């Protein structure tokens, strides 16, 4: 089965085609955008598929990073994935950012428990703990630094994500298994994880905290009807 994977959860707008049967990536396209995922995503997908030498009719599934991450980027990626899956009549598969980072940490450090953690600012950390085969030990949630250090100690966990170095510093050198440090994983990681999942519910954004931008109280229009 050939699978298309999409990631818009952070700065990158990324897509790749993965042959699940052969365990081989066939082609990819990655742009470091910061913003503007909606305008560029279909072009990125087209370039990835061109590099892989496949057409939409060759796809057996579409996968996407569901966050946590950029509210807008996650929504763009999930919407595109669900639309493509519906049009092609193939499964849509979601992979969350934290499990993908944890998978990369295991690849880096060897089989181990991983605390994947993203720094959300304002003292908030979006985090989850996965065991040495990727099973969830602590489900994705918003926690503070104190709770993160307790989790890392309790599980003797390697640290991954943008909050990893902050947590390591709070542990005062008690943990030297740190990395990767990014806000998202490589697009190939999402593809490999998705290829190992059974299709289930349609993917939906994993939002662990409220968006920073909120309507101003004096400018909210009343609902009609």
C-alpha atoms as a PDB file:
ATOM      1  CA  UNK A   1       0.000   0.000   0.000  1.00  0.00           C
ATOM      2  CA  UNK A   2       1.203   3.469  -0.870  1.00  0.00           C
ATOM      3  CA  UNK A   3       0.410   6.122   1.717  1.00  0.00           C
ATOM      4  CA  UNK A   4       0.496   9.923   1.501  1.00  0.00           C
ATOM      5  CA  UNK A   5       1.533  11.637   4.752  1.00  0.00           C
ATOM      6  CA  UNK A   6       0.995  15.352   5.476  1.00  0.00           C
ATOM      7  CA  UNK A   7       2.347  17.582   8.264  1.00  0.00           C
ATOM      8  CA  UNK A   8       1.379  21.223   8.816  1.00  0.00           C
ATOM      9  CA  UNK A   9       1.547  21.176  12.630  1.00  0.00           C
ATOM     10  CA  UNK A  10       4.497  23.584  12.954  1.00  0.00           C
ATOM     11  CA  UNK A  11       6.587  25.765  10.618  1.00  0.00           C
ATOM     12  CA  UNK A  12       6.973  23.065   7.999  1.00  0.00           C
ATOM     13  CA  UNK A  13       4.541  22.263   5.227  1.00  0.00           C
ATOM     14  CA  UNK A  14       5.533  18.696   4.410  1.00  0.00           C
ATOM     15  CA  UNK A  15       4.297  15.700   2.459  1.00  0.00           C
ATOM     16  CA  UNK A  16       5.729  12.347   1.491  1.00  0.00           C
ATOM     17  CA  UNK A  17       4.649   9.157  -0.228  1.00  0.00           C
ATOM     18  CA  UNK A  18       5.522   5.937   1.590  1.00  0.00           C
ATOM     19  CA  UNK A  19       5.342   2.350   0.376  1.00  0.00           C
ATOM     20  CA  UNK A  20       4.130   0.481   3.451  1.00  0.00           C
ATOM     21  CA  UNK A  21       4.758  -2.949   1.940  1.00  0.00           C
ATOM     22  CA  UNK A  22       8.375  -2.202   1.090  1.00  0.00           C
ATOM     23  CA  UNK A  23       8.975   0.034   4.118  1.00  0.00           C
ATOM     24  CA  UNK A  24      10.394   2.670   1.814  1.00  0.00           C
ATOM     25  CA  UNK A  25       9.807   6.365   1.268  1.00  0.00           C
ATOM     26  CA  UNK A  26       9.237   7.106  -2.413  1.00  0.00           C
ATOM     27  CA  UNK A  27       9.276  10.898  -2.543  1.00  0.00           C
ATOM     28  CA  UNK A  28       8.853  14.018  -0.449  1.00  0.00           C
ATOM     29  CA  UNK A  29       8.510  17.783  -0.505  1.00  0.00           C
ATOM     30  CA  UNK A  30       9.135  20.018   2.513  1.00  0.00           C
ATOM     31  CA  UNK A  31       8.828  23.808   2.768  1.00  0.00           C
ATOM     32  CA  UNK A  32       9.776  25.850   5.838  1.00  0.00           C
ATOM     33  CA  UNK A  33       6.939  28.380   5.764  1.00  0.00           C
ATOM     34  CA  UNK A  34       6.110  29.471   9.266  1.00  0.00           C
ATOM     35  CA  UNK A  35       2.689  30.513   7.969  1.00  0.00           C
ATOM     36  CA  UNK A  36       0.675  30.115   4.785  1.00  0.00           C
ATOM     37  CA  UNK A  37       0.155  26.350   4.857  1.00  0.00           C
ATOM     38  CA  UNK A  38      -3.267  26.576   3.222  1.00  0.00           C
ATOM     39  CA  UNK A  39      -1.867  28.347   0.176  1.00  0.00           C
ATOM     40  CA  UNK A  40       1.025  25.917  -0.352  1.00  0.00           C
ATOM     41  CA  UNK A  41      -0.148  22.501   0.838  1.00  0.00           C
ATOM     42  CA  UNK A  42      -1.634  21.190  -2.412  1.00  0.00           C
ATOM     43  CA  UNK A  43       1.497  22.243  -4.308  1.00  0.00           C
ATOM     44  CA  UNK A  44       3.662  20.458  -1.735  1.00  0.00           C
ATOM     45  CA  UNK A  45       1.534  17.322  -2.101  1.00  0.00           C
ATOM     46  CA  UNK A  46       1.785  17.456  -5.883  1.00  0.00           C
ATOM     47  CA  UNK A  47       5.579  17.793  -5.752  1.00  0.00           C
ATOM     48  CA  UNK A  48       5.897  14.879  -3.318  1.00  0.00           C
ATOM     49  CA  UNK A  49       3.754  12.669  -5.538  1.00  0.00           C
ATOM     50  CA  UNK A  50       5.684  13.738  -8.628  1.00  0.00           C
ATOM     51  CA  UNK A  51       8.947  12.813  -6.898  1.00  0.00           C
ATOM     52  CA  UNK A  52       7.452   9.436  -5.986  1.00  0.00           C
ATOM     53  CA  UNK A  53       6.144   8.820  -9.491  1.00  0.00           C
ATOM     54  CA  UNK A  54       2.596   8.069  -8.321  1.00  0.00           C
ATOM     55  CA  UNK A  55      -0.877   9.466  -8.905  1.00  0.00           C
ATOM     56  CA  UNK A  56      -3.801   9.877  -6.533  1.00  0.00           C
ATOM     57  CA  UNK A  57      -5.321   6.627  -7.810  1.00  0.00           C
ATOM     58  CA  UNK A  58      -2.240   4.775  -6.501  1.00  0.00           C
ATOM     59  CA  UNK A  59      -2.833   5.815  -2.889  1.00  0.00           C
ATOM     60  CA  UNK A  60      -4.276   3.402  -0.359  1.00  0.00           C
ATOM     61  CA  UNK A  61      -4.414   5.822   2.606  1.00  0.00           C
ATOM     62  CA  UNK A  62      -3.753   9.419   3.620  1.00  0.00           C
ATOM     63  CA  UNK A  63      -2.140  10.289   6.963  1.00  0.00           C
ATOM     64  CA  UNK A  64      -1.714  13.557   8.843  1.00  0.00           C
ATOM     65  CA  UNK A  65      -0.151  15.020  11.956  1.00  0.00           C
ATOM     66  CA  UNK A  66      -3.076  16.044  14.175  1.00  0.00           C
ATOM     67  CA  UNK A  67      -1.107  18.164  16.647  1.00  0.00           C
ATOM     68  CA  UNK A  68      -0.624  19.485  19.187  1.00  0.00           C
ATOM     69  CA  UNK A  69       0.855  22.352  17.251  1.00  0.00           C
ATOM     70  CA  UNK A  70      -0.231  25.394  15.294  1.00  0.00           C
ATOM     71  CA  UNK A  71      -4.012  25.787  15.489  1.00  0.00           C
ATOM     72  CA  UNK A  72      -4.265  26.955  11.894  1.00  0.00           C
ATOM     73  CA  UNK A  73      -1.694  24.561  10.479  1.00  0.00           C
ATOM     74  CA  UNK A  74      -3.204  21.511  12.161  1.00  0.00           C
ATOM     75  CA  UNK A  75      -6.661  22.454  10.922  1.00  0.00           C
ATOM     76  CA  UNK A  76      -5.368  22.901   7.355  1.00  0.00           C
ATOM     77  CA  UNK A  77      -3.624  19.520   7.361  1.00  0.00           C
ATOM     78  CA  UNK A  78      -6.510  17.606   8.893  1.00  0.00           C
ATOM     79  CA  UNK A  79      -9.083  19.197   6.586  1.00  0.00           C
ATOM     80  CA  UNK A  80      -7.013  18.413   3.487  1.00  0.00           C
ATOM     81  CA  UNK A  81      -6.460  14.833   4.612  1.00  0.00           C
ATOM     82  CA  UNK A  82     -10.105  14.173   5.302  1.00  0.00           C
ATOM     83  CA  UNK A  83     -11.075  15.732   1.972  1.00  0.00           C
ATOM     84  CA  UNK A  84      -8.563  13.664   0.017  1.00  0.00           C
ATOM     85  CA  UNK A  85      -9.518  10.459   1.817  1.00  0.00           C
ATOM     86  CA  UNK A  86     -13.189  11.060   1.086  1.00  0.00           C
ATOM     87  CA  UNK A  87     -12.564  11.844  -2.576  1.00  0.00           C
ATOM     88  CA  UNK A  88     -10.304   8.804  -3.041  1.00  0.00           C
ATOM     89  CA  UNK A  89     -12.405   6.496  -0.842  1.00  0.00           C
ATOM     90  CA  UNK A  90      -9.373   5.497   1.239  1.00  0.00           C
ATOM     91  CA  UNK A  91      -8.745   5.586   5.012  1.00  0.00           C
ATOM     92  CA  UNK A  92      -7.548   8.761   6.749  1.00  0.00           C
ATOM     93  CA  UNK A  93      -5.103   8.126   9.605  1.00  0.00           C
ATOM     94  CA  UNK A  94      -4.063  10.556  12.323  1.00  0.00           C
ATOM     95  CA  UNK A  95      -0.696  10.593  14.120  1.00  0.00           C
ATOM     96  CA  UNK A  96      -0.107  13.027  16.946  1.00  0.00           C
ATOM     97  CA  UNK A  97       3.026  15.150  17.158  1.00  0.00           C
ATOM     98  CA  UNK A  98       4.063  13.872  20.568  1.00  0.00           C
ATOM     99  CA  UNK A  99       4.004  10.199  19.578  1.00  0.00           C
ATOM    100  CA  UNK A 100       6.013  11.043  16.461  1.00  0.00           C
ATOM    101  CA  UNK A 101       8.659  12.880  18.502  1.00  0.00           C
ATOM    102  CA  UNK A 102       8.762   9.952  20.926  1.00  0.00           C
ATOM    103  CA  UNK A 103       9.357   7.550  18.035  1.00  0.00           C
ATOM    104  CA  UNK A 104      12.297   9.664  16.873  1.00  0.00           C
ATOM    105  CA  UNK A 105      13.697   9.712  20.410  1.00  0.00           C
ATOM    106  CA  UNK A 106      13.605   5.906  20.515  1.00  0.00           C
ATOM    107  CA  UNK A 107      15.392   5.814  17.179  1.00  0.00           C
ATOM    108  CA  UNK A 108      18.049   8.138  18.603  1.00  0.00           C
ATOM    109  CA  UNK A 109      18.516   6.652  22.080  1.00  0.00           C
ATOM    110  CA  UNK A 110      17.394   3.058  21.567  1.00  0.00           C
ATOM    111  CA  UNK A 111      14.293   1.420  23.083  1.00  0.00           C
ATOM    112  CA  UNK A 112      13.240   3.554  26.039  1.00  0.00           C
ATOM    113  CA  UNK A 113      10.385   5.368  27.687  1.00  0.00           C
ATOM    114  CA  UNK A 114      10.046   8.911  26.334  1.00  0.00           C
ATOM    115  CA  UNK A 115       8.520  12.108  27.693  1.00  0.00           C
ATOM    116  CA  UNK A 116       7.657  14.150  24.596  1.00  0.00           C
ATOM    117  CA  UNK A 117       7.034  17.765  25.540  1.00  0.00           C
ATOM    118  CA  UNK A 118       6.318  20.998  23.680  1.00  0.00           C
ATOM    119  CA  UNK A 119       6.841  24.418  25.270  1.00  0.00           C
ATOM    120  CA  UNK A 120       3.587  26.386  24.905  1.00  0.00           C
ATOM    121  CA  UNK A 121       4.827  29.471  26.757  1.00  0.00           C
ATOM    122  CA  UNK A 122       3.188  31.029  29.818  1.00  0.00           C
ATOM    123  CA  UNK A 123       4.542  28.168  31.905  1.00  0.00           C
ATOM    124  CA  UNK A 124       2.546  25.556  29.985  1.00  0.00           C
ATOM    125  CA  UNK A 125       3.948  22.348  28.519  1.00  0.00           C
ATOM    126  CA  UNK A 126       2.021  20.010  26.216  1.00  0.00           C
ATOM    127  CA  UNK A 127       3.304  16.559  27.039  1.00  0.00           C
ATOM    128  CA  UNK A 128       2.802  12.810  26.911  1.00  0.00           C
ATOM    129  CA  UNK A 129       4.772   9.738  27.976  1.00  0.00           C
ATOM    130  CA  UNK A 130       5.250   6.658  25.756  1.00  0.00           C
ATOM    131  CA  UNK A 131       6.898   3.365  26.619  1.00  0.00           C
ATOM    132  CA  UNK A 132       9.646   1.618  24.668  1.00  0.00           C
ATOM    133  CA  UNK A 133       7.225   0.374  21.991  1.00  0.00           C
ATOM    134  CA  UNK A 134       5.113   3.524  21.769  1.00  0.00           C
ATOM    135  CA  UNK A 135       2.235   2.631  24.090  1.00  0.00           C
ATOM    136  CA  UNK A 136       0.777   5.565  26.020  1.00  0.00           C
ATOM    137  CA  UNK A 137       1.749   5.780  29.691  1.00  0.00           C
ATOM    138  CA  UNK A 138       0.588   9.371  30.210  1.00  0.00           C
ATOM    139  CA  UNK A 139      -1.939  10.723  27.726  1.00  0.00           C
ATOM    140  CA  UNK A 140      -1.328  14.097  26.026  1.00  0.00           C
ATOM    141  CA  UNK A 141      -2.155  16.949  28.402  1.00  0.00           C
ATOM    142  CA  UNK A 142      -1.127  20.461  29.409  1.00  0.00           C
ATOM    143  CA  UNK A 143       1.115  20.385  32.483  1.00  0.00           C
ATOM    144  CA  UNK A 144       3.634  22.641  34.211  1.00  0.00           C
ATOM    145  CA  UNK A 145       7.396  22.222  34.555  1.00  0.00           C
ATOM    146  CA  UNK A 146       7.153  20.689  38.032  1.00  0.00           C
ATOM    147  CA  UNK A 147       4.780  17.971  36.791  1.00  0.00           C
ATOM    148  CA  UNK A 148       6.996  17.382  33.759  1.00  0.00           C
ATOM    149  CA  UNK A 149      10.069  16.800  35.920  1.00  0.00           C
ATOM    150  CA  UNK A 150       8.113  14.419  38.136  1.00  0.00           C
ATOM    151  CA  UNK A 151       6.964  12.441  35.108  1.00  0.00           C
ATOM    152  CA  UNK A 152      10.487  12.305  33.705  1.00  0.00           C
ATOM    153  CA  UNK A 153      11.828  11.030  37.029  1.00  0.00           C
ATOM    154  CA  UNK A 154       8.989   8.586  37.651  1.00  0.00           C
ATOM    155  CA  UNK A 155       9.369   6.956  34.242  1.00  0.00           C
ATOM    156  CA  UNK A 156      13.163   7.377  33.864  1.00  0.00           C
ATOM    157  CA  UNK A 157      12.223   8.885  30.530  1.00  0.00           C
ATOM    158  CA  UNK A 158      14.277  10.250  27.681  1.00  0.00           C
ATOM    159  CA  UNK A 159      13.195  13.779  26.720  1.00  0.00           C
ATOM    160  CA  UNK A 160      12.063  15.026  23.315  1.00  0.00           C
ATOM    161  CA  UNK A 161      10.498  18.187  21.899  1.00  0.00           C
ATOM    162  CA  UNK A 162      10.938  21.912  22.374  1.00  0.00           C
ATOM    163  CA  UNK A 163      10.573  21.675  26.163  1.00  0.00           C
ATOM    164  CA  UNK A 164      13.148  18.880  26.517  1.00  0.00           C
ATOM    165  CA  UNK A 165      16.135  21.067  27.378  1.00  0.00           C
ATOM    166  CA  UNK A 166      14.092  23.083  29.887  1.00  0.00           C
ATOM    167  CA  UNK A 167      13.008  19.888  31.646  1.00  0.00           C
ATOM    168  CA  UNK A 168      16.570  18.522  31.551  1.00  0.00           C
ATOM    169  CA  UNK A 169      17.853  21.724  33.152  1.00  0.00           C
ATOM    170  CA  UNK A 170      15.258  21.432  35.917  1.00  0.00           C
ATOM    171  CA  UNK A 171      16.485  17.873  36.537  1.00  0.00           C
ATOM    172  CA  UNK A 172      19.986  19.294  37.130  1.00  0.00           C
ATOM    173  CA  UNK A 173      21.871  16.821  34.981  1.00  0.00           C
ATOM    174  CA  UNK A 174      19.983  13.721  36.097  1.00  0.00           C
ATOM    175  CA  UNK A 175      18.924  12.981  32.507  1.00  0.00           C
ATOM    176  CA  UNK A 176      21.355  13.013  29.587  1.00  0.00           C
ATOM    177  CA  UNK A 177      19.058  11.412  26.992  1.00  0.00           C
ATOM    178  CA  UNK A 178      17.734  14.558  25.345  1.00  0.00           C
ATOM    179  CA  UNK A 179      16.512  14.981  21.772  1.00  0.00           C
ATOM    180  CA  UNK A 180      15.224  15.463  19.207  1.00  0.00           C
ATOM    181  CA  UNK A 181      14.377  19.061  20.117  1.00  0.00           C
ATOM    182  CA  UNK A 182      12.020  20.121  17.325  1.00  0.00           C
ATOM    183  CA  UNK A 183       8.376  21.137  17.392  1.00  0.00           C
ATOM    184  CA  UNK A 184       7.472  18.365  14.956  1.00  0.00           C
ATOM    185  CA  UNK A 185       8.940  15.169  13.589  1.00  0.00           C
ATOM    186  CA  UNK A 186      10.286  14.350  10.147  1.00  0.00           C
ATOM    187  CA  UNK A 187       7.496  13.700   7.643  1.00  0.00           C
ATOM    188  CA  UNK A 188       8.852  10.184   7.104  1.00  0.00           C
ATOM    189  CA  UNK A 189       8.245   9.407  10.780  1.00  0.00           C
ATOM    190  CA  UNK A 190       4.556  10.274  10.435  1.00  0.00           C
ATOM    191  CA  UNK A 191       4.326   8.046   7.360  1.00  0.00           C
ATOM    192  CA  UNK A 192       5.946   5.058   9.091  1.00  0.00           C
ATOM    193  CA  UNK A 193       3.788   5.387  12.192  1.00  0.00           C
ATOM    194  CA  UNK A 194       0.614   5.737  10.127  1.00  0.00           C
ATOM    195  CA  UNK A 195       1.525   2.652   8.086  1.00  0.00           C
ATOM    196  CA  UNK A 196       1.542   0.648  11.326  1.00  0.00           C
ATOM    197  CA  UNK A 197      -1.877   1.835  12.492  1.00  0.00           C
ATOM    198  CA  UNK A 198      -5.245   0.261  11.829  1.00  0.00           C
ATOM    199  CA  UNK A 199      -7.683   2.758  10.263  1.00  0.00           C
ATOM    200  CA  UNK A 200     -10.148   4.022  12.845  1.00  0.00           C
ATOM    201  CA  UNK A 201     -12.096   7.219  13.372  1.00  0.00           C
ATOM    202  CA  UNK A 202     -11.442  10.074  10.997  1.00  0.00           C
ATOM    203  CA  UNK A 203      -8.540  12.192  12.282  1.00  0.00           C
ATOM    204  CA  UNK A 204      -9.386  15.379  14.137  1.00  0.00           C
ATOM    205  CA  UNK A 205      -7.155  18.123  15.535  1.00  0.00           C
ATOM    206  CA  UNK A 206      -5.597  17.438  18.934  1.00  0.00           C
ATOM    207  CA  UNK A 207      -5.946  20.785  20.683  1.00  0.00           C
ATOM    208  CA  UNK A 208      -4.715  20.696  24.282  1.00  0.00           C
ATOM    209  CA  UNK A 209      -4.988  24.420  24.995  1.00  0.00           C
ATOM    210  CA  UNK A 210      -7.071  27.392  23.916  1.00  0.00           C
ATOM    211  CA  UNK A 211      -5.869  29.521  20.982  1.00  0.00           C
ATOM    212  CA  UNK A 212      -4.036  32.758  21.766  1.00  0.00           C
ATOM    213  CA  UNK A 213      -6.295  34.808  19.474  1.00  0.00           C
ATOM    214  CA  UNK A 214      -9.804  35.272  20.838  1.00  0.00           C
ATOM    215  CA  UNK A 215     -12.679  37.531  19.734  1.00  0.00           C
ATOM    216  CA  UNK A 216     -12.748  40.935  21.431  1.00  0.00           C
ATOM    217  CA  UNK A 217     -15.774  41.167  23.688  1.00  0.00           C
ATOM    218  CA  UNK A 218     -17.100  44.358  22.128  1.00  0.00           C
ATOM    219  CA  UNK A 219     -16.900  43.027  18.575  1.00  0.00           C
ATOM    220  CA  UNK A 220     -18.690  39.672  18.830  1.00  0.00           C
ATOM    221  CA  UNK A 221     -21.696  39.633  16.537  1.00  0.00           C
ATOM    222  CA  UNK A 222     -24.912  38.085  17.835  1.00  0.00           C
ATOM    223  CA  UNK A 223     -25.995  34.844  16.231  1.00  0.00           C
ATOM    224  CA  UNK A 224     -28.998  35.020  13.964  1.00  0.00           C
ATOM    225  CA  UNK A 225     -31.869  32.578  14.191  1.00  0.00           C
END
